[in-house]
């Protein structure tokens, strides 16, 4: 995932257990990255027995964050985490503010 995130002008902030926190220069980059990650994972899962498959849920939000050292904090980070919980396995859930920024820019 790290290389796909970097290809979309993002940076990995943190990884913990089964989660990844990344920050992007634009919401368009973030959505395109999320779609690509899910497509790659779907293709890799298709080659594995069902018991070995891993399906991730991705949550995206748009808003200001503040940095403290290498970490980022803020309500929007928490919202992204909650949106990830709402996404279907192998899916993406985005905030309304993120959707408004991309609704006419992506198919």
N, C-alpha and C. Protein backbone atom coordinates (compact mmCIF):
# COMPACT_ATOMS: atom_id res chain seq x y z
N UNK A 1 0.81 -1.20 0.00
CA UNK A 1 0.00 0.00 0.00
C UNK A 1 0.86 1.26 0.00
N UNK A 2 1.97 1.19 0.69
CA UNK A 2 2.83 2.38 0.82
C UNK A 2 3.23 2.93 -0.55
N UNK A 3 3.62 2.06 -1.47
CA UNK A 3 4.06 2.55 -2.79
C UNK A 3 2.89 3.16 -3.57
N UNK A 4 1.72 2.59 -3.47
CA UNK A 4 0.55 3.16 -4.16
C UNK A 4 0.22 4.51 -3.56
N UNK A 5 0.28 4.63 -2.25
CA UNK A 5 0.02 5.91 -1.57
C UNK A 5 1.01 6.96 -2.06
N UNK A 6 2.28 6.60 -2.13
CA UNK A 6 3.30 7.56 -2.58
C UNK A 6 3.11 7.95 -4.04
N UNK A 7 2.67 7.03 -4.87
CA UNK A 7 2.41 7.33 -6.29
C UNK A 7 1.30 8.36 -6.45
N UNK A 8 0.43 8.47 -5.45
CA UNK A 8 -0.69 9.41 -5.50
C UNK A 8 -0.44 10.63 -4.61
N UNK A 9 0.83 10.98 -4.44
CA UNK A 9 1.24 12.15 -3.68
C UNK A 9 0.78 12.12 -2.23
N UNK A 10 0.73 10.93 -1.68
CA UNK A 10 0.37 10.79 -0.28
C UNK A 10 1.57 10.38 0.55
N UNK A 11 1.39 10.45 1.84
CA UNK A 11 2.45 9.96 2.74
C UNK A 11 1.82 9.18 3.86
N UNK A 12 2.45 8.07 4.17
CA UNK A 12 1.98 7.23 5.27
C UNK A 12 2.42 7.87 6.56
N UNK A 13 1.46 8.13 7.43
CA UNK A 13 1.72 8.75 8.72
C UNK A 13 1.96 7.68 9.78
N UNK A 14 1.13 6.64 9.77
CA UNK A 14 1.21 5.63 10.82
C UNK A 14 0.59 4.33 10.33
N UNK A 15 1.08 3.24 10.87
CA UNK A 15 0.45 1.94 10.68
C UNK A 15 0.36 1.30 12.06
N UNK A 16 -0.75 0.67 12.30
CA UNK A 16 -0.95 -0.02 13.58
C UNK A 16 -1.88 -1.20 13.35
N UNK A 17 -1.41 -2.37 13.72
CA UNK A 17 -2.19 -3.60 13.54
C UNK A 17 -2.69 -3.70 12.11
N UNK A 18 -3.98 -3.52 11.89
CA UNK A 18 -4.55 -3.68 10.55
C UNK A 18 -4.98 -2.34 9.94
N UNK A 19 -4.37 -1.23 10.36
CA UNK A 19 -4.78 0.07 9.84
C UNK A 19 -3.59 0.86 9.29
N UNK A 20 -3.92 1.76 8.37
CA UNK A 20 -2.93 2.66 7.79
C UNK A 20 -3.52 4.05 7.82
N UNK A 21 -2.75 5.02 8.32
CA UNK A 21 -3.15 6.42 8.30
C UNK A 21 -2.27 7.13 7.30
N UNK A 22 -2.89 7.75 6.29
CA UNK A 22 -2.14 8.45 5.26
C UNK A 22 -2.74 9.83 5.04
N UNK A 23 -1.90 10.74 4.58
CA UNK A 23 -2.31 12.11 4.29
C UNK A 23 -2.00 12.39 2.83
N UNK A 24 -2.88 13.14 2.15
CA UNK A 24 -2.73 13.41 0.73
C UNK A 24 -2.78 14.91 0.46
N UNK A 25 -2.16 15.29 -0.66
CA UNK A 25 -2.15 16.69 -1.08
C UNK A 25 -3.55 17.13 -1.53
N UNK A 26 -4.33 16.20 -2.06
CA UNK A 26 -5.69 16.54 -2.50
C UNK A 26 -6.62 15.37 -2.29
N UNK A 27 -7.89 15.68 -2.16
CA UNK A 27 -8.89 14.62 -1.98
C UNK A 27 -9.01 13.79 -3.25
N UNK A 28 -8.79 14.38 -4.40
CA UNK A 28 -8.82 13.64 -5.66
C UNK A 28 -7.73 12.56 -5.66
N UNK A 29 -6.53 12.93 -5.23
CA UNK A 29 -5.45 11.95 -5.11
C UNK A 29 -5.82 10.84 -4.13
N UNK A 30 -6.42 11.21 -3.02
CA UNK A 30 -6.79 10.22 -2.00
C UNK A 30 -7.81 9.23 -2.52
N UNK A 31 -8.82 9.72 -3.23
CA UNK A 31 -9.85 8.82 -3.75
C UNK A 31 -9.29 7.92 -4.84
N UNK A 32 -8.49 8.47 -5.74
CA UNK A 32 -7.89 7.65 -6.78
C UNK A 32 -6.99 6.59 -6.17
N UNK A 33 -6.27 6.93 -5.13
CA UNK A 33 -5.41 5.98 -4.43
C UNK A 33 -6.24 4.88 -3.79
N UNK A 34 -7.31 5.25 -3.12
CA UNK A 34 -8.17 4.27 -2.46
C UNK A 34 -8.75 3.28 -3.46
N UNK A 35 -9.20 3.79 -4.60
CA UNK A 35 -9.75 2.92 -5.64
C UNK A 35 -8.68 1.96 -6.14
N UNK A 36 -7.48 2.47 -6.40
CA UNK A 36 -6.41 1.61 -6.89
C UNK A 36 -6.03 0.54 -5.86
N UNK A 37 -5.94 0.93 -4.60
CA UNK A 37 -5.63 -0.05 -3.55
C UNK A 37 -6.67 -1.16 -3.53
N UNK A 38 -7.94 -0.79 -3.57
CA UNK A 38 -8.99 -1.81 -3.52
C UNK A 38 -8.95 -2.70 -4.77
N UNK A 39 -8.63 -2.14 -5.93
CA UNK A 39 -8.54 -2.94 -7.15
C UNK A 39 -7.38 -3.93 -7.06
N UNK A 40 -6.23 -3.47 -6.58
CA UNK A 40 -5.07 -4.35 -6.44
C UNK A 40 -5.35 -5.47 -5.44
N UNK A 41 -5.95 -5.11 -4.32
CA UNK A 41 -6.25 -6.13 -3.31
C UNK A 41 -7.27 -7.15 -3.82
N UNK A 42 -8.25 -6.68 -4.56
CA UNK A 42 -9.25 -7.60 -5.13
C UNK A 42 -8.58 -8.59 -6.07
N UNK A 43 -7.68 -8.11 -6.91
CA UNK A 43 -6.97 -9.00 -7.85
C UNK A 43 -6.10 -10.00 -7.10
N UNK A 44 -5.41 -9.55 -6.08
CA UNK A 44 -4.55 -10.46 -5.30
C UNK A 44 -5.39 -11.48 -4.54
N UNK A 45 -6.53 -11.04 -3.99
CA UNK A 45 -7.41 -11.96 -3.27
C UNK A 45 -7.99 -13.03 -4.18
N UNK A 46 -8.23 -12.69 -5.43
CA UNK A 46 -8.81 -13.65 -6.37
C UNK A 46 -7.90 -14.85 -6.58
N UNK A 47 -6.61 -14.69 -6.32
CA UNK A 47 -5.65 -15.79 -6.49
C UNK A 47 -5.47 -16.61 -5.22
N UNK A 48 -6.13 -16.24 -4.14
CA UNK A 48 -5.96 -16.91 -2.86
C UNK A 48 -7.20 -17.70 -2.48
N UNK A 49 -7.01 -18.74 -1.68
CA UNK A 49 -8.20 -19.41 -1.14
C UNK A 49 -8.94 -18.44 -0.20
N UNK A 50 -10.21 -18.62 -0.09
CA UNK A 50 -11.03 -17.70 0.70
C UNK A 50 -10.52 -17.51 2.12
N UNK A 51 -10.00 -18.53 2.72
CA UNK A 51 -9.52 -18.45 4.10
C UNK A 51 -8.27 -17.57 4.25
N UNK A 52 -7.59 -17.25 3.16
CA UNK A 52 -6.36 -16.44 3.20
C UNK A 52 -6.57 -15.01 2.72
N UNK A 53 -7.76 -14.67 2.28
CA UNK A 53 -8.03 -13.36 1.71
C UNK A 53 -8.11 -12.29 2.79
N UNK A 54 -7.64 -11.10 2.42
CA UNK A 54 -7.73 -9.95 3.32
C UNK A 54 -8.50 -8.85 2.61
N UNK A 55 -9.54 -8.36 3.24
CA UNK A 55 -10.33 -7.27 2.67
C UNK A 55 -10.26 -6.07 3.61
N UNK A 56 -9.88 -4.95 3.06
CA UNK A 56 -9.74 -3.74 3.84
C UNK A 56 -10.91 -2.81 3.60
N UNK A 57 -11.19 -1.99 4.59
CA UNK A 57 -12.22 -0.94 4.51
C UNK A 57 -11.47 0.38 4.55
N UNK A 58 -11.83 1.29 3.65
CA UNK A 58 -11.15 2.58 3.59
C UNK A 58 -12.13 3.70 3.87
N UNK A 59 -11.74 4.60 4.77
CA UNK A 59 -12.52 5.79 5.08
C UNK A 59 -11.72 7.03 4.71
N UNK A 60 -12.37 7.98 4.03
CA UNK A 60 -11.72 9.22 3.61
C UNK A 60 -12.52 10.42 4.08
N UNK A 61 -11.81 11.40 4.61
CA UNK A 61 -12.46 12.65 5.00
C UNK A 61 -11.61 13.81 4.52
N UNK A 62 -12.20 14.96 4.48
CA UNK A 62 -11.53 16.17 4.01
C UNK A 62 -11.64 17.21 5.10
N UNK A 63 -10.51 17.73 5.55
CA UNK A 63 -10.53 18.76 6.57
C UNK A 63 -9.15 19.05 7.11
N UNK A 64 -9.08 20.07 7.93
CA UNK A 64 -7.81 20.48 8.51
C UNK A 64 -7.37 19.51 9.60
N UNK A 65 -6.07 19.30 9.64
CA UNK A 65 -5.46 18.49 10.69
C UNK A 65 -4.28 19.28 11.23
N UNK A 66 -3.80 18.90 12.40
CA UNK A 66 -2.59 19.54 12.90
C UNK A 66 -1.54 18.48 13.16
N UNK A 67 -0.29 18.89 12.98
CA UNK A 67 0.84 17.97 13.11
C UNK A 67 1.52 18.16 14.45
N UNK A 68 1.95 17.05 15.00
CA UNK A 68 2.77 17.06 16.20
C UNK A 68 3.84 16.01 15.98
N UNK A 69 5.03 16.46 15.64
CA UNK A 69 6.09 15.53 15.26
C UNK A 69 5.73 14.87 13.95
N UNK A 70 5.74 13.56 13.94
CA UNK A 70 5.42 12.79 12.73
C UNK A 70 3.94 12.43 12.65
N UNK A 71 3.16 12.77 13.66
CA UNK A 71 1.75 12.40 13.72
C UNK A 71 0.84 13.54 13.26
N UNK A 72 -0.36 13.19 12.82
CA UNK A 72 -1.40 14.19 12.55
C UNK A 72 -2.60 13.88 13.44
N UNK A 73 -3.30 14.93 13.82
CA UNK A 73 -4.45 14.80 14.72
C UNK A 73 -5.56 15.71 14.23
N UNK A 74 -6.72 15.49 14.76
CA UNK A 74 -7.85 16.36 14.47
C UNK A 74 -9.12 15.57 14.26
N UNK A 75 -10.23 16.29 14.27
CA UNK A 75 -11.53 15.65 14.09
C UNK A 75 -11.61 14.88 12.78
N UNK A 76 -10.98 15.40 11.73
CA UNK A 76 -11.08 14.75 10.42
C UNK A 76 -10.36 13.41 10.39
N UNK A 77 -9.34 13.26 11.19
CA UNK A 77 -8.67 11.97 11.29
C UNK A 77 -9.61 10.97 11.93
N UNK A 78 -10.29 11.39 12.99
CA UNK A 78 -11.25 10.53 13.68
C UNK A 78 -12.44 10.19 12.78
N UNK A 79 -12.89 11.16 12.01
CA UNK A 79 -14.01 10.93 11.09
C UNK A 79 -13.62 9.90 10.03
N UNK A 80 -12.41 10.01 9.49
CA UNK A 80 -11.95 9.04 8.49
C UNK A 80 -11.95 7.62 9.08
N UNK A 81 -11.52 7.50 10.32
CA UNK A 81 -11.50 6.19 10.97
C UNK A 81 -12.92 5.64 11.12
N UNK A 82 -13.85 6.48 11.49
CA UNK A 82 -15.25 6.04 11.64
C UNK A 82 -15.87 5.69 10.29
N UNK A 83 -15.53 6.44 9.26
CA UNK A 83 -16.03 6.14 7.92
C UNK A 83 -15.50 4.79 7.44
N UNK A 84 -14.25 4.50 7.77
CA UNK A 84 -13.70 3.20 7.42
C UNK A 84 -14.49 2.06 8.04
N UNK A 85 -14.96 2.26 9.25
CA UNK A 85 -15.77 1.25 9.92
C UNK A 85 -17.11 1.05 9.22
N UNK A 86 -17.62 2.10 8.57
CA UNK A 86 -18.90 2.03 7.87
C UNK A 86 -18.79 1.40 6.48
N UNK A 87 -17.60 1.43 5.91
CA UNK A 87 -17.40 0.88 4.57
C UNK A 87 -17.60 -0.63 4.58
N UNK A 88 -18.07 -1.14 3.46
CA UNK A 88 -18.15 -2.59 3.30
C UNK A 88 -16.74 -3.14 3.14
N UNK A 89 -16.54 -4.39 3.47
CA UNK A 89 -15.24 -5.01 3.26
C UNK A 89 -14.88 -4.89 1.78
N UNK A 90 -13.68 -4.39 1.51
CA UNK A 90 -13.26 -4.16 0.14
C UNK A 90 -13.81 -2.86 -0.45
N UNK A 91 -14.41 -2.03 0.40
CA UNK A 91 -15.05 -0.81 -0.08
C UNK A 91 -14.42 0.46 0.46
N UNK A 92 -15.01 1.58 0.04
CA UNK A 92 -14.54 2.91 0.41
C UNK A 92 -15.75 3.73 0.84
N UNK A 93 -15.63 4.44 1.94
CA UNK A 93 -16.68 5.35 2.41
C UNK A 93 -16.04 6.73 2.57
N UNK A 94 -16.64 7.75 1.95
CA UNK A 94 -16.07 9.10 2.01
C UNK A 94 -17.05 10.07 2.64
N UNK A 95 -16.50 11.12 3.23
CA UNK A 95 -17.33 12.15 3.85
C UNK A 95 -18.03 12.98 2.78
N UNK A 96 -19.09 13.65 3.16
CA UNK A 96 -19.82 14.49 2.22
C UNK A 96 -18.92 15.60 1.67
N UNK A 97 -18.08 16.18 2.53
CA UNK A 97 -17.20 17.26 2.06
C UNK A 97 -16.21 16.74 1.02
N UNK A 98 -15.73 15.53 1.17
CA UNK A 98 -14.83 14.93 0.17
C UNK A 98 -15.60 14.67 -1.12
N UNK A 99 -16.81 14.14 -0.99
CA UNK A 99 -17.62 13.86 -2.17
C UNK A 99 -17.89 15.13 -2.98
N UNK A 100 -18.19 16.21 -2.30
CA UNK A 100 -18.47 17.47 -3.00
C UNK A 100 -17.28 17.95 -3.82
N UNK A 101 -16.07 17.62 -3.39
CA UNK A 101 -14.87 18.04 -4.11
C UNK A 101 -14.61 17.19 -5.36
N UNK A 102 -15.11 15.96 -5.38
CA UNK A 102 -14.77 15.06 -6.50
C UNK A 102 -15.96 14.67 -7.36
N UNK A 103 -17.18 15.01 -6.97
CA UNK A 103 -18.36 14.46 -7.63
C UNK A 103 -18.38 14.64 -9.14
N UNK A 104 -17.82 15.71 -9.66
CA UNK A 104 -17.81 15.94 -11.10
C UNK A 104 -16.46 15.69 -11.73
N UNK A 105 -15.52 15.15 -10.98
CA UNK A 105 -14.14 14.98 -11.48
C UNK A 105 -13.76 13.53 -11.73
N UNK A 106 -14.52 12.60 -11.21
CA UNK A 106 -14.20 11.18 -11.37
C UNK A 106 -15.43 10.43 -11.88
N UNK A 107 -15.18 9.38 -12.65
CA UNK A 107 -16.33 8.56 -13.12
C UNK A 107 -16.95 7.80 -11.95
